[in-house]
Amino acid sequence: MQTYDSLDAFRDAPRVALDGPVALLLCEDATEVASSFGHMVARGFRTVVVMGAAVPPPGAEGVRTVRIGWRNDRPDAVAAAVNTLIDKGPGLWMHMAFNAEYLFFPFCETRRVAEMLAFHAEERRAAMMTYVVDLYAADLGATGAVCLKTAHLDASGYYANARPDPDRPDTALDRQLDFFGGLRWRYEEHVPAARRRIDRIGLFRAVPGLRMRPDFTFSETEYNTYACPWHNNLTAAVCSFRAAKALATNAGSRAGIDSFMWDRSVPFDWRSGQLLDLGLMEPGQWF
């Protein structure tokens, strides 16, 4: 395992060996770090970069593990972490997720992430849209907000708005949408407007000069699109307890929430097929 005390130390290191595809695990606390790490390994990532103060799990056989000290204590901390990794691994496919988040893509139970990305690249795509699907425990009193065994998700309530061009507010950007739903939609009064979107470019190819912005969009316009101009492309999902953790612990929201369950809650069965059936990801032309 390669270890660096800080993001600056990692940035200044003359040589860092990374094998792609690379997964970046951003640890904001110690919740489900081991399961998130193991999920990345199971998906077939060859390098897992663990950033955070939490103690990382032991390395896995055949997987390169990099440990970096990091804290999400500034508005640009996530973007700085991703952009530093981009600079260290030009040409590599990368995935970014927080602890207690889990990547699913079509047919991921039988196909590895490198195989899926190879197909995506053949369609002349260098990034993949992922939808952040909020997970939450069935009984907050018994387990808190995070419980893998009783995880539920919303079966409906998702929608998209056209994304306006910042230079021409009356014009929508081509093939870009702002997606909403899940806990951020149901409890929007507790979520800042800038954090209500559930779309994230969760898989992308690093190229020199590429930058991720604090809102999880990229400096390269085409990276922010959900499909190419010719047909629908693959999309994936990041199933995430992050919103549930925040709503259940933040002082402004926790007193008013005793359960996340509603009449459209369904148990999450940890299968890509369920997410496909609910329309939360798209197989495109990949069968």
C-alpha atoms as a PDB file:
ATOM      1  CA  MET A   1       0.000   0.000   0.000  1.00  0.00           C
ATOM      2  CA  GLN A   2       1.278   3.454  -0.927  1.00  0.00           C
ATOM      3  CA  THR A   3       0.604   6.020   1.817  1.00  0.00           C
ATOM      4  CA  TYR A   4       0.667   9.834   1.698  1.00  0.00           C
ATOM      5  CA  ASP A   5      -0.008  12.092   4.664  1.00  0.00           C
ATOM      6  CA  SER A   6      -1.925  14.680   2.672  1.00  0.00           C
ATOM      7  CA  LEU A   7      -3.250  15.589  -0.742  1.00  0.00           C
ATOM      8  CA  ASP A   8      -0.289  17.965  -1.161  1.00  0.00           C
ATOM      9  CA  ALA A   9       2.143  15.111  -0.492  1.00  0.00           C
ATOM     10  CA  PHE A  10       0.380  12.980  -3.107  1.00  0.00           C
ATOM     11  CA  ARG A  11       0.386  15.875  -5.576  1.00  0.00           C
ATOM     12  CA  ASP A  12       4.116  16.501  -5.068  1.00  0.00           C
ATOM     13  CA  ALA A  13       5.176  12.861  -5.299  1.00  0.00           C
ATOM     14  CA  PRO A  14       7.373  12.468  -8.395  1.00  0.00           C
ATOM     15  CA  ARG A  15       5.960   9.080  -9.364  1.00  0.00           C
ATOM     16  CA  VAL A  16       2.693   7.414  -8.395  1.00  0.00           C
ATOM     17  CA  ALA A  17       1.882   4.016  -9.903  1.00  0.00           C
ATOM     18  CA  LEU A  18      -1.780   3.760 -10.902  1.00  0.00           C
ATOM     19  CA  ASP A  19      -3.376   0.931 -12.880  1.00  0.00           C
ATOM     20  CA  GLY A  20      -6.719   1.608 -14.504  1.00  0.00           C
ATOM     21  CA  PRO A  21      -9.557   1.620 -14.077  1.00  0.00           C
ATOM     22  CA  VAL A  22      -9.113   3.593 -10.846  1.00  0.00           C
ATOM     23  CA  ALA A  23     -11.678   4.033  -8.061  1.00  0.00           C
ATOM     24  CA  LEU A  24     -11.453   6.994  -5.694  1.00  0.00           C
ATOM     25  CA  LEU A  25     -13.074   6.394  -2.292  1.00  0.00           C
ATOM     26  CA  LEU A  26     -13.602   9.663  -0.420  1.00  0.00           C
ATOM     27  CA  CYS A  27     -14.102   8.907   3.279  1.00  0.00           C
ATOM     28  CA  GLU A  28     -15.977  11.650   5.124  1.00  0.00           C
ATOM     29  CA  ASP A  29     -16.276   9.441   8.225  1.00  0.00           C
ATOM     30  CA  ALA A  30     -15.774   5.782   9.161  1.00  0.00           C
ATOM     31  CA  THR A  31     -19.236   4.573   8.081  1.00  0.00           C
ATOM     32  CA  GLU A  32     -19.120   1.500   5.805  1.00  0.00           C
ATOM     33  CA  VAL A  33     -15.598   2.206   4.546  1.00  0.00           C
ATOM     34  CA  ALA A  34     -14.824  -1.506   4.376  1.00  0.00           C
ATOM     35  CA  SER A  35     -17.989  -2.398   2.435  1.00  0.00           C
ATOM     36  CA  SER A  36     -17.486   0.482   0.006  1.00  0.00           C
ATOM     37  CA  PHE A  37     -13.876  -0.570  -0.559  1.00  0.00           C
ATOM     38  CA  GLY A  38     -14.877  -4.195  -1.043  1.00  0.00           C
ATOM     39  CA  HIS A  39     -17.596  -3.219  -3.504  1.00  0.00           C
ATOM     40  CA  MET A  40     -15.058  -1.336  -5.637  1.00  0.00           C
ATOM     41  CA  VAL A  41     -12.766  -4.354  -5.620  1.00  0.00           C
ATOM     42  CA  ALA A  42     -15.650  -6.645  -6.584  1.00  0.00           C
ATOM     43  CA  ARG A  43     -16.546  -4.390  -9.512  1.00  0.00           C
ATOM     44  CA  GLY A  44     -13.060  -4.924 -10.924  1.00  0.00           C
ATOM     45  CA  PHE A  45     -11.187  -1.687 -10.273  1.00  0.00           C
ATOM     46  CA  ARG A  46      -7.450  -2.339 -10.403  1.00  0.00           C
ATOM     47  CA  THR A  47      -6.479   0.611  -8.186  1.00  0.00           C
ATOM     48  CA  VAL A  48      -8.464   1.948  -5.228  1.00  0.00           C
ATOM     49  CA  VAL A  49      -7.369   5.329  -3.870  1.00  0.00           C
ATOM     50  CA  VAL A  50      -8.693   5.823  -0.324  1.00  0.00           C
ATOM     51  CA  MET A  51      -8.757   9.447   0.803  1.00  0.00           C
ATOM     52  CA  GLY A  52      -9.799  10.365   4.324  1.00  0.00           C
ATOM     53  CA  ALA A  53      -9.042  10.310   8.003  1.00  0.00           C
ATOM     54  CA  ALA A  54     -10.764   6.952   8.526  1.00  0.00           C
ATOM     55  CA  VAL A  55      -8.494   3.918   8.719  1.00  0.00           C
ATOM     56  CA  PRO A  56      -8.740   2.160   5.350  1.00  0.00           C
ATOM     57  CA  PRO A  57      -9.380  -1.567   5.065  1.00  0.00           C
ATOM     58  CA  PRO A  58      -6.478  -3.855   4.201  1.00  0.00           C
ATOM     59  CA  GLY A  59      -5.507  -4.109   0.576  1.00  0.00           C
ATOM     60  CA  ALA A  60      -7.010  -6.788  -1.642  1.00  0.00           C
ATOM     61  CA  GLU A  61      -4.978  -9.287  -3.626  1.00  0.00           C
ATOM     62  CA  GLY A  62      -4.338  -8.080  -7.151  1.00  0.00           C
ATOM     63  CA  VAL A  63      -5.557  -4.547  -6.381  1.00  0.00           C
ATOM     64  CA  ARG A  64      -3.236  -1.589  -5.890  1.00  0.00           C
ATOM     65  CA  THR A  65      -4.267   0.463  -2.842  1.00  0.00           C
ATOM     66  CA  VAL A  66      -3.229   4.081  -2.257  1.00  0.00           C
ATOM     67  CA  ARG A  67      -3.962   5.799   1.076  1.00  0.00           C
ATOM     68  CA  ILE A  68      -4.077   9.620   1.270  1.00  0.00           C
ATOM     69  CA  GLY A  69      -4.879  11.846   4.238  1.00  0.00           C
ATOM     70  CA  TRP A  70      -7.827  14.119   3.359  1.00  0.00           C
ATOM     71  CA  ARG A  71     -10.696  16.015   4.961  1.00  0.00           C
ATOM     72  CA  ASN A  72     -13.856  17.326   3.335  1.00  0.00           C
ATOM     73  CA  ASP A  73     -13.707  20.601   5.242  1.00  0.00           C
ATOM     74  CA  ARG A  74     -13.704  23.127   2.372  1.00  0.00           C
ATOM     75  CA  PRO A  75     -16.211  23.810  -0.418  1.00  0.00           C
ATOM     76  CA  ASP A  76     -13.645  22.772  -3.032  1.00  0.00           C
ATOM     77  CA  ALA A  77     -12.188  19.782  -1.148  1.00  0.00           C
ATOM     78  CA  VAL A  78     -13.870  17.118  -3.318  1.00  0.00           C
ATOM     79  CA  ALA A  79     -12.991  18.841  -6.588  1.00  0.00           C
ATOM     80  CA  ALA A  80      -9.393  19.282  -5.421  1.00  0.00           C
ATOM     81  CA  ALA A  81      -9.125  15.565  -4.619  1.00  0.00           C
ATOM     82  CA  VAL A  82     -10.544  14.477  -7.978  1.00  0.00           C
ATOM     83  CA  ASN A  83      -8.495  16.969  -9.974  1.00  0.00           C
ATOM     84  CA  THR A  84      -5.274  15.899  -8.273  1.00  0.00           C
ATOM     85  CA  LEU A  85      -6.008  12.286  -9.191  1.00  0.00           C
ATOM     86  CA  ILE A  86      -6.746  13.345 -12.788  1.00  0.00           C
ATOM     87  CA  ASP A  87      -3.334  14.971 -13.003  1.00  0.00           C
ATOM     88  CA  LYS A  88      -1.670  11.805 -11.707  1.00  0.00           C
ATOM     89  CA  GLY A  89      -3.413   9.399 -14.073  1.00  0.00           C
ATOM     90  CA  PRO A  90      -3.937  10.901 -17.528  1.00  0.00           C
ATOM     91  CA  GLY A  91      -5.599   8.463 -19.903  1.00  0.00           C
ATOM     92  CA  LEU A  92      -7.070   6.268 -17.160  1.00  0.00           C
ATOM     93  CA  TRP A  93     -10.755   5.658 -16.529  1.00  0.00           C
ATOM     94  CA  MET A  94     -11.766   6.785 -13.038  1.00  0.00           C
ATOM     95  CA  HIS A  95     -14.707   6.464 -10.675  1.00  0.00           C
ATOM     96  CA  MET A  96     -15.396   8.680  -7.665  1.00  0.00           C
ATOM     97  CA  ALA A  97     -17.644   7.787  -4.728  1.00  0.00           C
ATOM     98  CA  PHE A  98     -17.973   8.562  -1.036  1.00  0.00           C
ATOM     99  CA  ASN A  99     -18.012   5.985   1.745  1.00  0.00           C
ATOM    100  CA  ALA A 100     -21.379   4.207   2.062  1.00  0.00           C
ATOM    101  CA  GLU A 101     -21.849   4.554  -1.717  1.00  0.00           C
ATOM    102  CA  TYR A 102     -21.941   1.657  -4.178  1.00  0.00           C
ATOM    103  CA  LEU A 103     -21.596   1.683  -7.975  1.00  0.00           C
ATOM    104  CA  PHE A 104     -23.987  -0.411 -10.069  1.00  0.00           C
ATOM    105  CA  PHE A 105     -24.003  -0.631 -13.842  1.00  0.00           C
ATOM    106  CA  PRO A 106     -26.031  -2.842 -16.205  1.00  0.00           C
ATOM    107  CA  PHE A 107     -25.207  -6.535 -15.779  1.00  0.00           C
ATOM    108  CA  CYS A 108     -22.488  -5.783 -13.207  1.00  0.00           C
ATOM    109  CA  GLU A 109     -23.070  -9.137 -11.508  1.00  0.00           C
ATOM    110  CA  THR A 110     -21.480 -10.938 -14.473  1.00  0.00           C
ATOM    111  CA  ARG A 111     -19.390  -8.236 -16.185  1.00  0.00           C
ATOM    112  CA  ARG A 112     -16.494  -6.223 -14.841  1.00  0.00           C
ATOM    113  CA  VAL A 113     -16.168  -2.475 -15.023  1.00  0.00           C
ATOM    114  CA  ALA A 114     -13.255  -2.579 -17.503  1.00  0.00           C
ATOM    115  CA  GLU A 115     -15.381  -4.560 -19.970  1.00  0.00           C
ATOM    116  CA  MET A 116     -18.216  -2.055 -19.691  1.00  0.00           C
ATOM    117  CA  LEU A 117     -15.888   0.925 -20.101  1.00  0.00           C
ATOM    118  CA  ALA A 118     -14.247  -0.629 -23.160  1.00  0.00           C
ATOM    119  CA  PHE A 119     -17.665  -0.795 -24.829  1.00  0.00           C
ATOM    120  CA  HIS A 120     -18.469   2.760 -23.743  1.00  0.00           C
ATOM    121  CA  ALA A 121     -15.188   4.015 -25.233  1.00  0.00           C
ATOM    122  CA  GLU A 122     -15.995   2.286 -28.521  1.00  0.00           C
ATOM    123  CA  GLU A 123     -19.068   4.500 -28.688  1.00  0.00           C
ATOM    124  CA  ARG A 124     -16.711   7.497 -28.521  1.00  0.00           C
ATOM    125  CA  ARG A 125     -17.718   8.367 -24.981  1.00  0.00           C
ATOM    126  CA  ALA A 126     -15.182   9.569 -22.389  1.00  0.00           C
ATOM    127  CA  ALA A 127     -17.601   9.960 -19.469  1.00  0.00           C
ATOM    128  CA  MET A 128     -20.709   8.237 -18.110  1.00  0.00           C
ATOM    129  CA  MET A 129     -23.690   9.757 -16.368  1.00  0.00           C
ATOM    130  CA  THR A 130     -24.541   8.130 -13.051  1.00  0.00           C
ATOM    131  CA  TYR A 131     -27.614   8.792 -10.970  1.00  0.00           C
ATOM    132  CA  VAL A 132     -27.192   8.978  -7.203  1.00  0.00           C
ATOM    133  CA  VAL A 133     -29.964   6.770  -5.818  1.00  0.00           C
ATOM    134  CA  ASP A 134     -30.597   7.503  -2.146  1.00  0.00           C
ATOM    135  CA  LEU A 135     -30.604   4.496   0.172  1.00  0.00           C
ATOM    136  CA  TYR A 136     -31.927   4.558   3.737  1.00  0.00           C
ATOM    137  CA  ALA A 137     -32.496   2.111   6.583  1.00  0.00           C
ATOM    138  CA  ALA A 138     -35.993   0.819   7.241  1.00  0.00           C
ATOM    139  CA  ASP A 139     -35.875   1.648  10.976  1.00  0.00           C
ATOM    140  CA  LEU A 140     -33.888   4.707  12.020  1.00  0.00           C
ATOM    141  CA  GLY A 141     -34.456   3.962  15.703  1.00  0.00           C
ATOM    142  CA  ALA A 142     -33.003   0.475  15.495  1.00  0.00           C
ATOM    143  CA  THR A 143     -30.065   0.934  13.135  1.00  0.00           C
ATOM    144  CA  GLY A 144     -29.646   4.621  12.342  1.00  0.00           C
ATOM    145  CA  ALA A 145     -29.748   5.865   8.762  1.00  0.00           C
ATOM    146  CA  VAL A 146     -27.320   3.278   7.362  1.00  0.00           C
ATOM    147  CA  CYS A 147     -28.132  -0.425   7.279  1.00  0.00           C
ATOM    148  CA  LEU A 148     -27.133  -2.624   4.351  1.00  0.00           C
ATOM    149  CA  LYS A 149     -29.505  -5.434   5.378  1.00  0.00           C
ATOM    150  CA  THR A 150     -32.635  -3.244   5.503  1.00  0.00           C
ATOM    151  CA  ALA A 151     -31.729  -0.735   2.770  1.00  0.00           C
ATOM    152  CA  HIS A 152     -34.670   0.832   0.932  1.00  0.00           C
ATOM    153  CA  LEU A 153     -34.936   3.241  -1.983  1.00  0.00           C
ATOM    154  CA  ASP A 154     -37.649   5.330  -3.599  1.00  0.00           C
ATOM    155  CA  ALA A 155     -39.409   3.570  -6.470  1.00  0.00           C
ATOM    156  CA  SER A 156     -40.757   6.821  -7.953  1.00  0.00           C
ATOM    157  CA  GLY A 157     -40.504  10.591  -7.638  1.00  0.00           C
ATOM    158  CA  TYR A 158     -37.610  11.167 -10.052  1.00  0.00           C
ATOM    159  CA  TYR A 159     -37.651  13.898 -12.679  1.00  0.00           C
ATOM    160  CA  ALA A 160     -35.365  16.075 -14.801  1.00  0.00           C
ATOM    161  CA  ASN A 161     -35.247  19.706 -15.872  1.00  0.00           C
ATOM    162  CA  ALA A 162     -33.431  21.211 -18.817  1.00  0.00           C
ATOM    163  CA  ARG A 163     -30.068  22.623 -17.771  1.00  0.00           C
ATOM    164  CA  PRO A 164     -29.838  26.302 -18.772  1.00  0.00           C
ATOM    165  CA  ASP A 165     -26.789  27.682 -20.525  1.00  0.00           C
ATOM    166  CA  PRO A 166     -25.082  29.991 -17.980  1.00  0.00           C
ATOM    167  CA  ASP A 167     -24.191  32.401 -20.781  1.00  0.00           C
ATOM    168  CA  ARG A 168     -27.704  32.318 -22.278  1.00  0.00           C
ATOM    169  CA  PRO A 169     -30.213  31.596 -19.518  1.00  0.00           C
ATOM    170  CA  ASP A 170     -33.120  31.257 -21.961  1.00  0.00           C
ATOM    171  CA  THR A 171     -31.309  28.444 -23.841  1.00  0.00           C
ATOM    172  CA  ALA A 172     -30.958  24.848 -22.661  1.00  0.00           C
ATOM    173  CA  LEU A 173     -27.606  23.106 -22.929  1.00  0.00           C
ATOM    174  CA  ASP A 174     -27.461  20.299 -25.481  1.00  0.00           C
ATOM    175  CA  ARG A 175     -27.982  16.826 -23.951  1.00  0.00           C
ATOM    176  CA  GLN A 176     -27.625  18.077 -20.398  1.00  0.00           C
ATOM    177  CA  LEU A 177     -30.315  17.746 -17.738  1.00  0.00           C
ATOM    178  CA  ASP A 178     -30.559  18.392 -14.020  1.00  0.00           C
ATOM    179  CA  PHE A 179     -31.991  15.297 -12.299  1.00  0.00           C
ATOM    180  CA  PHE A 180     -33.852  15.267  -8.984  1.00  0.00           C
ATOM    181  CA  GLY A 181     -35.509  12.746  -6.689  1.00  0.00           C
ATOM    182  CA  GLY A 182     -34.999  10.594  -3.629  1.00  0.00           C
ATOM    183  CA  LEU A 183     -34.465  12.036  -0.172  1.00  0.00           C
ATOM    184  CA  ARG A 184     -33.113  15.303  -1.558  1.00  0.00           C
ATOM    185  CA  TRP A 185     -36.482  15.856  -3.257  1.00  0.00           C
ATOM    186  CA  ARG A 186     -38.708  14.670  -0.389  1.00  0.00           C
ATOM    187  CA  TYR A 187     -36.796  16.713   2.184  1.00  0.00           C
ATOM    188  CA  GLU A 188     -35.745  19.592  -0.032  1.00  0.00           C
ATOM    189  CA  GLU A 189     -36.466  22.151   2.690  1.00  0.00           C
ATOM    190  CA  HIS A 190     -33.405  20.762   4.512  1.00  0.00           C
ATOM    191  CA  VAL A 191     -31.150  20.562   1.453  1.00  0.00           C
ATOM    192  CA  PRO A 192     -29.463  23.643  -0.081  1.00  0.00           C
ATOM    193  CA  ALA A 193     -30.661  24.196  -3.653  1.00  0.00           C
ATOM    194  CA  ALA A 194     -27.166  23.651  -5.056  1.00  0.00           C
ATOM    195  CA  ARG A 195     -27.060  20.144  -3.534  1.00  0.00           C
ATOM    196  CA  ARG A 196     -30.446  18.797  -4.623  1.00  0.00           C
ATOM    197  CA  ARG A 197     -29.344  17.345  -7.974  1.00  0.00           C
ATOM    198  CA  ILE A 198     -28.803  13.580  -8.143  1.00  0.00           C
ATOM    199  CA  ASP A 199     -26.816  13.454 -11.390  1.00  0.00           C
ATOM    200  CA  ARG A 200     -23.073  12.896 -11.179  1.00  0.00           C
ATOM    201  CA  ILE A 201     -20.421  12.055 -13.777  1.00  0.00           C
ATOM    202  CA  GLY A 202     -19.387   9.010 -11.802  1.00  0.00           C
ATOM    203  CA  LEU A 203     -17.126   7.464 -14.460  1.00  0.00           C
ATOM    204  CA  PHE A 204     -14.773   9.444 -16.676  1.00  0.00           C
ATOM    205  CA  ARG A 205     -11.482   9.258 -18.537  1.00  0.00           C
ATOM    206  CA  ALA A 206      -8.764  11.547 -17.183  1.00  0.00           C
ATOM    207  CA  VAL A 207      -7.154  13.842 -19.756  1.00  0.00           C
ATOM    208  CA  PRO A 208      -4.628  16.651 -19.245  1.00  0.00           C
ATOM    209  CA  GLY A 209      -6.322  19.888 -18.231  1.00  0.00           C
ATOM    210  CA  LEU A 210      -9.647  18.288 -17.313  1.00  0.00           C
ATOM    211  CA  ARG A 211     -11.206  19.746 -14.174  1.00  0.00           C
ATOM    212  CA  MET A 212     -14.131  18.716 -12.044  1.00  0.00           C
ATOM    213  CA  ARG A 213     -16.072  21.638 -10.595  1.00  0.00           C
ATOM    214  CA  PRO A 214     -17.539  21.786  -7.062  1.00  0.00           C
ATOM    215  CA  ASP A 215     -21.008  20.950  -8.484  1.00  0.00           C
ATOM    216  CA  PHE A 216     -19.638  17.649  -9.897  1.00  0.00           C
ATOM    217  CA  THR A 217     -19.763  18.846 -13.515  1.00  0.00           C
ATOM    218  CA  PHE A 218     -16.616  18.951 -15.656  1.00  0.00           C
ATOM    219  CA  SER A 219     -14.803  21.657 -17.571  1.00  0.00           C
ATOM    220  CA  GLU A 220     -15.163  19.606 -20.785  1.00  0.00           C
ATOM    221  CA  THR A 221     -18.761  20.168 -21.949  1.00  0.00           C
ATOM    222  CA  GLU A 222     -19.215  16.776 -23.588  1.00  0.00           C
ATOM    223  CA  TYR A 223     -18.379  15.043 -20.286  1.00  0.00           C
ATOM    224  CA  ASN A 224     -21.587  16.508 -18.803  1.00  0.00           C
ATOM    225  CA  THR A 225     -23.935  15.015 -21.399  1.00  0.00           C
ATOM    226  CA  TYR A 226     -26.095  11.965 -20.717  1.00  0.00           C
ATOM    227  CA  ALA A 227     -25.785  10.528 -24.253  1.00  0.00           C
ATOM    228  CA  CYS A 228     -24.106  11.052 -27.607  1.00  0.00           C
ATOM    229  CA  PRO A 229     -26.065  12.803 -30.420  1.00  0.00           C
ATOM    230  CA  TRP A 230     -26.860   9.528 -32.208  1.00  0.00           C
ATOM    231  CA  HIS A 231     -28.458   7.218 -29.632  1.00  0.00           C
ATOM    232  CA  ASN A 232     -28.842   6.494 -25.939  1.00  0.00           C
ATOM    233  CA  ASN A 233     -25.686   5.429 -24.129  1.00  0.00           C
ATOM    234  CA  LEU A 234     -25.002   3.403 -21.035  1.00  0.00           C
ATOM    235  CA  THR A 235     -25.700   5.037 -17.714  1.00  0.00           C
ATOM    236  CA  ALA A 236     -25.013   3.739 -14.209  1.00  0.00           C
ATOM    237  CA  ALA A 237     -26.174   4.330 -10.646  1.00  0.00           C
ATOM    238  CA  VAL A 238     -24.396   5.163  -7.407  1.00  0.00           C
ATOM    239  CA  CYS A 239     -26.525   3.820  -4.572  1.00  0.00           C
ATOM    240  CA  SER A 240     -25.816   6.089  -1.647  1.00  0.00           C
ATOM    241  CA  PHE A 241     -26.547   6.428   2.056  1.00  0.00           C
ATOM    242  CA  ARG A 242     -24.895   9.870   2.072  1.00  0.00           C
ATOM    243  CA  ALA A 243     -28.106  11.944   2.053  1.00  0.00           C
ATOM    244  CA  ALA A 244     -29.720   9.723   4.684  1.00  0.00           C
ATOM    245  CA  LYS A 245     -26.685  10.110   6.951  1.00  0.00           C
ATOM    246  CA  ALA A 246     -26.756  13.885   6.616  1.00  0.00           C
ATOM    247  CA  LEU A 247     -30.508  14.298   7.151  1.00  0.00           C
ATOM    248  CA  ALA A 248     -30.492  11.982  10.172  1.00  0.00           C
ATOM    249  CA  THR A 249     -27.598  13.743  11.905  1.00  0.00           C
ATOM    250  CA  ASN A 250     -27.719  17.422  10.927  1.00  0.00           C
ATOM    251  CA  ALA A 251     -29.195  19.607  13.651  1.00  0.00           C
ATOM    252  CA  GLY A 252     -31.573  21.371  11.275  1.00  0.00           C
ATOM    253  CA  SER A 253     -33.290  18.195  10.057  1.00  0.00           C
ATOM    254  CA  ARG A 254     -32.897  15.334  12.528  1.00  0.00           C
ATOM    255  CA  ALA A 255     -35.575  16.478  14.985  1.00  0.00           C
ATOM    256  CA  GLY A 256     -38.255  16.429  12.310  1.00  0.00           C
ATOM    257  CA  ILE A 257     -37.463  13.006  10.813  1.00  0.00           C
ATOM    258  CA  ASP A 258     -38.292   9.738  12.591  1.00  0.00           C
ATOM    259  CA  SER A 259     -38.461   7.602   9.443  1.00  0.00           C
ATOM    260  CA  PHE A 260     -37.558   7.888   5.756  1.00  0.00           C
ATOM    261  CA  MET A 261     -40.182   5.323   4.757  1.00  0.00           C
ATOM    262  CA  TRP A 262     -43.184   6.314   2.610  1.00  0.00           C
ATOM    263  CA  ASP A 263     -45.675   4.515   0.392  1.00  0.00           C
ATOM    264  CA  ARG A 264     -43.184   4.376  -2.514  1.00  0.00           C
ATOM    265  CA  SER A 265     -40.335   2.869  -0.504  1.00  0.00           C
ATOM    266  CA  VAL A 266     -39.171  -0.542  -1.710  1.00  0.00           C
ATOM    267  CA  PRO A 267     -36.435  -2.825  -0.344  1.00  0.00           C
ATOM    268  CA  PHE A 268     -33.176  -2.571  -2.279  1.00  0.00           C
ATOM    269  CA  ASP A 269     -32.138  -6.040  -3.388  1.00  0.00           C
ATOM    270  CA  TRP A 270     -28.592  -5.050  -4.424  1.00  0.00           C
ATOM    271  CA  ARG A 271     -29.119  -6.098  -8.074  1.00  0.00           C
ATOM    272  CA  SER A 272     -28.562  -4.097 -11.232  1.00  0.00           C
ATOM    273  CA  GLY A 273     -31.762  -5.611 -12.633  1.00  0.00           C
ATOM    274  CA  GLN A 274     -33.881  -3.822 -10.045  1.00  0.00           C
ATOM    275  CA  LEU A 275     -32.323  -0.470 -10.969  1.00  0.00           C
ATOM    276  CA  LEU A 276     -32.893  -1.179 -14.669  1.00  0.00           C
ATOM    277  CA  ASP A 277     -36.536  -2.082 -14.030  1.00  0.00           C
ATOM    278  CA  LEU A 278     -37.052   1.170 -12.117  1.00  0.00           C
ATOM    279  CA  GLY A 279     -35.460   3.195 -14.938  1.00  0.00           C
ATOM    280  CA  LEU A 280     -32.587   4.344 -12.740  1.00  0.00           C
ATOM    281  CA  MET A 281     -29.971   3.371 -15.289  1.00  0.00           C
ATOM    282  CA  GLU A 282     -29.852   2.650 -19.006  1.00  0.00           C
ATOM    283  CA  PRO A 283     -28.165  -0.245 -20.864  1.00  0.00           C
ATOM    284  CA  GLY A 284     -27.971   1.671 -24.147  1.00  0.00           C
ATOM    285  CA  GLN A 285     -26.739  -0.623 -26.906  1.00  0.00           C
ATOM    286  CA  TRP A 286     -24.930  -2.969 -24.483  1.00  0.00           C
ATOM    287  CA  PHE A 287     -26.611  -6.338 -24.067  1.00  0.00           C
END
